[in-house]
Amino acid sequence: MSRLNALLLVLLIGCALSLINAQYRARGTFVELNREQALEHQLLQDWDRLQYEQSAQSKSARIESVARNDLKMQAVSPGRTQYLSAPAGSAGAMVDVPVPSASAASAPESGGKR
C-alpha cells in the first residue's frame, strides 16, 4: 500500500509541476498577445496618418502650388502655344487644329513649358 501511495504522490507532484509549467507558458503567451495588439494599434495609427498625408499631398491646390513654385511651371496659354501644320507639298491633307477656348486656356494643366 505504501508503494501505491508513493507512486500516487509522485504522479501528483508531476501533475502539479505540469500545471505550473502550463500556467507559466499561458502567461507568457498572454503577455506576447498584449504586446502584439499594442503593435497592431500603433501600426493602424501610422496607416491612418499616412493615408491622411497622402490625401493632403494629392490635393489639386497642393499640386498646382508645387508645380508653380518649386518646378517653375506655367499654365498653357494660347499665346504661347505653337501649332504645327504639314508642309504644302506633303501627301497628307492639311488638318485644322482647333484653338482652345478661353475657359480651357485659363485652367491649370500639368506639363512643362512649351
Protein backbone atom coordinates (compact mmCIF):
# COMPACT_ATOMS: atom_id res chain seq x y z
CA MET A 1 0.00 0.00 0.00
CA SER A 2 2.83 2.40 0.73
CA ARG A 3 4.26 1.81 -2.74
CA LEU A 4 0.91 2.75 -4.24
CA ASN A 5 0.81 5.89 -2.07
CA ALA A 6 4.37 6.80 -3.12
CA LEU A 7 3.51 6.27 -6.78
CA LEU A 8 0.37 8.41 -6.46
CA LEU A 9 2.38 11.08 -4.65
CA VAL A 10 4.96 11.16 -7.49
CA LEU A 11 2.15 11.36 -10.06
CA LEU A 12 0.50 14.16 -8.08
CA ILE A 13 3.75 16.13 -7.90
CA GLY A 14 4.33 15.55 -11.65
CA CYS A 15 0.83 16.80 -12.48
CA ALA A 16 1.31 19.85 -10.23
CA LEU A 17 4.60 20.72 -11.94
CA SER A 18 2.97 20.22 -15.35
CA LEU A 19 0.14 22.57 -14.34
CA ILE A 20 2.62 25.19 -13.12
CA ASN A 21 4.56 24.94 -16.40
CA ALA A 22 1.35 25.27 -18.46
CA GLN A 23 0.26 28.37 -16.50
CA TYR A 24 3.71 29.92 -16.93
CA ARG A 25 3.58 29.40 -20.70
CA ALA A 26 -0.01 30.74 -20.81
CA ARG A 27 1.08 33.92 -19.03
CA GLY A 28 3.98 34.34 -21.44
CA THR A 29 1.65 33.87 -24.39
CA PHE A 30 -0.81 36.40 -22.92
CA VAL A 31 1.97 38.98 -22.49
CA GLU A 32 3.08 38.38 -26.07
CA LEU A 33 -0.51 38.76 -27.28
CA ASN A 34 -0.83 42.11 -25.48
CA ARG A 35 2.46 43.25 -26.97
CA GLU A 36 1.32 42.30 -30.49
CA GLN A 37 -2.04 44.02 -30.01
CA ALA A 38 -0.26 47.22 -28.95
CA LEU A 39 1.93 46.95 -32.06
CA GLU A 40 -1.17 46.43 -34.22
CA HIS A 41 -2.77 49.52 -32.69
CA GLN A 42 0.39 51.55 -33.40
CA LEU A 43 0.54 50.29 -36.99
CA LEU A 44 -3.12 51.18 -37.55
CA GLN A 45 -2.46 54.69 -36.27
CA ASP A 46 0.52 55.01 -38.61
CA TRP A 47 -1.59 53.72 -41.52
CA ASP A 48 -4.31 56.30 -40.83
CA ARG A 49 -1.71 59.08 -40.56
CA LEU A 50 -0.10 58.04 -43.85
CA GLN A 51 -3.46 57.93 -45.62
CA TYR A 52 -4.21 61.44 -44.34
CA GLU A 53 -0.82 62.68 -45.51
CA GLN A 54 -1.33 61.08 -48.91
CA SER A 55 -4.72 62.75 -49.33
CA ALA A 56 -3.24 66.09 -48.28
CA GLN A 57 -0.35 65.71 -50.73
CA SER A 58 -2.62 64.79 -53.62
CA LYS A 59 -4.98 67.76 -53.41
CA SER A 60 -5.04 69.74 -56.65
CA ALA A 61 -4.21 73.05 -54.92
CA ARG A 62 -1.06 71.49 -53.43
CA ILE A 63 -0.06 70.00 -56.78
CA GLU A 64 -0.58 73.35 -58.52
CA SER A 65 1.43 75.14 -55.83
CA VAL A 66 4.35 72.73 -56.18
CA ALA A 67 4.20 72.95 -59.97
CA ARG A 68 4.23 76.75 -59.97
CA ASN A 69 6.65 77.45 -57.10
CA ASP A 70 9.06 74.51 -56.94
CA LEU A 71 9.07 73.34 -60.56
CA LYS A 72 8.53 76.81 -62.11
CA MET A 73 5.79 75.52 -64.42
CA GLN A 74 3.22 77.79 -66.05
CA ALA A 75 -0.29 77.18 -67.30
CA VAL A 76 -0.75 76.71 -71.03
CA SER A 77 -1.99 79.83 -72.81
CA PRO A 78 -3.00 80.29 -76.46
CA GLY A 79 -0.35 83.00 -76.88
CA ARG A 80 2.48 80.59 -76.06
CA THR A 81 1.10 77.56 -77.89
CA GLN A 82 2.66 76.69 -81.21
CA TYR A 83 0.60 74.76 -83.77
CA LEU A 84 2.33 72.70 -86.41
CA SER A 85 0.95 72.02 -89.86
CA ALA A 86 2.09 69.68 -92.61
CA PRO A 87 4.13 71.19 -95.48
CA ALA A 88 2.15 72.21 -98.59
CA GLY A 89 3.66 69.52 -100.79
CA SER A 90 3.06 66.61 -98.42
CA ALA A 91 0.80 63.69 -99.35
CA GLY A 92 -1.49 64.25 -96.36
CA ALA A 93 -4.17 66.89 -96.31
CA MET A 94 -3.95 69.94 -94.05
CA VAL A 95 -5.61 69.40 -90.72
CA ASP A 96 -7.35 72.23 -88.96
CA VAL A 97 -6.17 72.45 -85.37
CA PRO A 98 -8.81 73.85 -83.04
CA VAL A 99 -7.87 76.89 -80.96
CA PRO A 100 -8.57 76.29 -77.26
CA SER A 101 -11.41 78.27 -75.73
CA ALA A 102 -10.78 80.90 -73.05
CA SER A 103 -12.02 78.59 -70.27
CA ALA A 104 -9.62 75.80 -71.33
CA ALA A 105 -6.72 78.24 -71.54
CA SER A 106 -7.25 79.53 -68.00
CA ALA A 107 -7.50 76.07 -66.44
CA PRO A 108 -4.19 74.94 -64.94
CA GLU A 109 -2.70 71.88 -66.57
CA SER A 110 0.31 69.86 -65.61
CA GLY A 111 3.17 69.82 -68.03
CA GLY A 112 6.33 71.65 -68.85
CA LYS A 113 6.95 74.81 -70.78
CA ARG A 114 6.21 74.71 -74.48
